[in-house]
Amino acid sequence: MGSFSFWVYSLVLVLGAALVGLVIGFLLKTPPTSVSSILLVLGLLFLAGGWLWGRKLRGR
């Protein structure tokens, strides 16, 4: 994995984890809203995309 790919991969995983953590914080303080569910879906998509991309890069 190249240096640039590693940083982009790390950024994708950090964004996904941050969004999921943000939504968990929202859900603990307030009732579920459409904004928190959209953020949760985006965070999970970032995490899944980062995981799949990592598998693809490891296969090379």
N, C-alpha and C. Protein backbone atom coordinates (compact mmCIF):
# COMPACT_ATOMS: atom_id res chain seq x y z
N MET A 1 0.86 -1.17 0.00
CA MET A 1 0.00 0.00 0.00
C MET A 1 0.91 1.23 0.00
N GLY A 2 0.66 2.13 -0.93
CA GLY A 2 1.46 3.34 -1.01
C GLY A 2 1.16 4.29 0.13
N SER A 3 2.02 5.26 0.31
CA SER A 3 1.86 6.20 1.41
C SER A 3 0.58 7.01 1.27
N PHE A 4 0.30 7.49 0.04
CA PHE A 4 -0.92 8.28 -0.18
C PHE A 4 -2.16 7.42 0.06
N SER A 5 -2.15 6.19 -0.46
CA SER A 5 -3.30 5.30 -0.27
C SER A 5 -3.53 5.01 1.21
N PHE A 6 -2.45 4.85 1.95
CA PHE A 6 -2.58 4.59 3.37
C PHE A 6 -3.26 5.75 4.09
N TRP A 7 -2.87 6.99 3.76
CA TRP A 7 -3.45 8.15 4.42
C TRP A 7 -4.92 8.32 4.05
N VAL A 8 -5.26 8.09 2.78
CA VAL A 8 -6.67 8.20 2.37
C VAL A 8 -7.49 7.11 3.05
N TYR A 9 -6.95 5.90 3.09
CA TYR A 9 -7.63 4.78 3.75
C TYR A 9 -7.85 5.09 5.23
N SER A 10 -6.84 5.62 5.90
CA SER A 10 -6.97 5.98 7.31
C SER A 10 -8.00 7.08 7.51
N LEU A 11 -8.01 8.05 6.61
CA LEU A 11 -8.97 9.15 6.70
C LEU A 11 -10.40 8.64 6.54
N VAL A 12 -10.62 7.71 5.62
CA VAL A 12 -11.96 7.14 5.42
C VAL A 12 -12.41 6.41 6.68
N LEU A 13 -11.52 5.62 7.28
CA LEU A 13 -11.89 4.91 8.50
C LEU A 13 -12.15 5.86 9.66
N VAL A 14 -11.34 6.90 9.78
CA VAL A 14 -11.53 7.87 10.86
C VAL A 14 -12.85 8.61 10.69
N LEU A 15 -13.17 9.02 9.46
CA LEU A 15 -14.45 9.70 9.22
C LEU A 15 -15.62 8.80 9.57
N GLY A 16 -15.55 7.56 9.15
CA GLY A 16 -16.63 6.62 9.46
C GLY A 16 -16.80 6.42 10.96
N ALA A 17 -15.69 6.22 11.65
CA ALA A 17 -15.75 6.01 13.09
C ALA A 17 -16.25 7.26 13.81
N ALA A 18 -15.83 8.43 13.34
CA ALA A 18 -16.27 9.68 13.97
C ALA A 18 -17.77 9.88 13.79
N LEU A 19 -18.27 9.60 12.59
CA LEU A 19 -19.71 9.76 12.36
C LEU A 19 -20.52 8.78 13.20
N VAL A 20 -20.06 7.54 13.28
CA VAL A 20 -20.78 6.56 14.10
C VAL A 20 -20.75 6.99 15.57
N GLY A 21 -19.61 7.45 16.06
CA GLY A 21 -19.52 7.92 17.44
C GLY A 21 -20.39 9.13 17.70
N LEU A 22 -20.45 10.04 16.73
CA LEU A 22 -21.29 11.23 16.85
C LEU A 22 -22.76 10.84 16.96
N VAL A 23 -23.17 9.89 16.15
CA VAL A 23 -24.57 9.46 16.17
C VAL A 23 -24.89 8.75 17.48
N ILE A 24 -23.97 7.94 17.98
CA ILE A 24 -24.22 7.27 19.26
C ILE A 24 -24.39 8.32 20.36
N GLY A 25 -23.58 9.38 20.32
CA GLY A 25 -23.74 10.47 21.28
C GLY A 25 -25.08 11.17 21.15
N PHE A 26 -25.52 11.40 19.90
CA PHE A 26 -26.83 12.01 19.68
C PHE A 26 -27.95 11.13 20.23
N LEU A 27 -27.85 9.83 19.98
CA LEU A 27 -28.91 8.92 20.40
C LEU A 27 -28.99 8.81 21.92
N LEU A 28 -27.87 8.98 22.60
CA LEU A 28 -27.89 8.91 24.06
C LEU A 28 -28.51 10.17 24.67
N LYS A 29 -28.40 11.31 23.99
CA LYS A 29 -28.89 12.57 24.55
C LYS A 29 -30.30 12.92 24.08
N THR A 30 -30.64 12.55 22.86
CA THR A 30 -31.94 12.94 22.29
C THR A 30 -32.61 11.73 21.66
N PRO A 31 -33.90 11.83 21.42
CA PRO A 31 -34.56 10.74 20.70
C PRO A 31 -34.05 10.67 19.26
N PRO A 32 -34.18 9.53 18.62
CA PRO A 32 -33.68 9.38 17.25
C PRO A 32 -34.32 10.40 16.30
N THR A 33 -33.52 10.99 15.46
CA THR A 33 -34.01 11.93 14.46
C THR A 33 -33.52 11.48 13.11
N SER A 34 -34.05 12.11 12.08
CA SER A 34 -33.63 11.74 10.73
C SER A 34 -32.18 12.12 10.49
N VAL A 35 -31.72 13.20 11.11
CA VAL A 35 -30.33 13.62 10.93
C VAL A 35 -29.38 12.57 11.50
N SER A 36 -29.68 12.07 12.69
CA SER A 36 -28.78 11.09 13.29
C SER A 36 -28.80 9.78 12.52
N SER A 37 -29.95 9.39 11.97
CA SER A 37 -29.97 8.15 11.20
C SER A 37 -29.22 8.31 9.88
N ILE A 38 -29.28 9.49 9.27
CA ILE A 38 -28.51 9.74 8.04
C ILE A 38 -27.02 9.70 8.35
N LEU A 39 -26.60 10.33 9.46
CA LEU A 39 -25.20 10.31 9.85
C LEU A 39 -24.72 8.90 10.17
N LEU A 40 -25.58 8.11 10.80
CA LEU A 40 -25.22 6.73 11.12
C LEU A 40 -25.00 5.93 9.84
N VAL A 41 -25.89 6.08 8.88
CA VAL A 41 -25.75 5.37 7.61
C VAL A 41 -24.47 5.80 6.90
N LEU A 42 -24.20 7.12 6.86
CA LEU A 42 -22.97 7.60 6.23
C LEU A 42 -21.73 7.05 6.93
N GLY A 43 -21.75 7.06 8.25
CA GLY A 43 -20.61 6.53 8.99
C GLY A 43 -20.38 5.06 8.73
N LEU A 44 -21.46 4.28 8.71
CA LEU A 44 -21.32 2.86 8.43
C LEU A 44 -20.85 2.62 7.00
N LEU A 45 -21.31 3.44 6.05
CA LEU A 45 -20.84 3.31 4.67
C LEU A 45 -19.35 3.63 4.57
N PHE A 46 -18.89 4.66 5.28
CA PHE A 46 -17.46 4.98 5.29
C PHE A 46 -16.65 3.81 5.87
N LEU A 47 -17.14 3.25 6.98
CA LEU A 47 -16.42 2.13 7.59
C LEU A 47 -16.39 0.91 6.67
N ALA A 48 -17.53 0.60 6.06
CA ALA A 48 -17.58 -0.54 5.15
C ALA A 48 -16.71 -0.30 3.92
N GLY A 49 -16.75 0.91 3.38
CA GLY A 49 -15.91 1.23 2.23
C GLY A 49 -14.44 1.14 2.56
N GLY A 50 -14.05 1.63 3.71
CA GLY A 50 -12.66 1.54 4.14
C GLY A 50 -12.22 0.11 4.34
N TRP A 51 -13.09 -0.71 4.90
CA TRP A 51 -12.77 -2.12 5.11
C TRP A 51 -12.60 -2.84 3.78
N LEU A 52 -13.53 -2.61 2.85
CA LEU A 52 -13.43 -3.24 1.53
C LEU A 52 -12.21 -2.76 0.77
N TRP A 53 -11.92 -1.47 0.86
CA TRP A 53 -10.75 -0.92 0.17
C TRP A 53 -9.47 -1.51 0.75
N GLY A 54 -9.43 -1.66 2.07
CA GLY A 54 -8.27 -2.27 2.71
C GLY A 54 -8.06 -3.71 2.26
N ARG A 55 -9.14 -4.47 2.10
CA ARG A 55 -9.02 -5.84 1.60
C ARG A 55 -8.51 -5.86 0.18
N LYS A 56 -8.98 -4.91 -0.63
CA LYS A 56 -8.54 -4.84 -2.03
C LYS A 56 -7.06 -4.50 -2.11
N LEU A 57 -6.61 -3.53 -1.29
CA LEU A 57 -5.21 -3.13 -1.31
C LEU A 57 -4.30 -4.22 -0.75
N ARG A 58 -4.80 -4.98 0.22
CA ARG A 58 -4.00 -6.07 0.78
C ARG A 58 -3.83 -7.20 -0.22
N GLY A 59 -4.81 -7.35 -1.11
CA GLY A 59 -4.75 -8.42 -2.10
C GLY A 59 -3.72 -8.18 -3.19
N ARG A 60 -3.27 -6.95 -3.35
CA ARG A 60 -2.31 -6.63 -4.42
C ARG A 60 -0.92 -7.08 -4.05
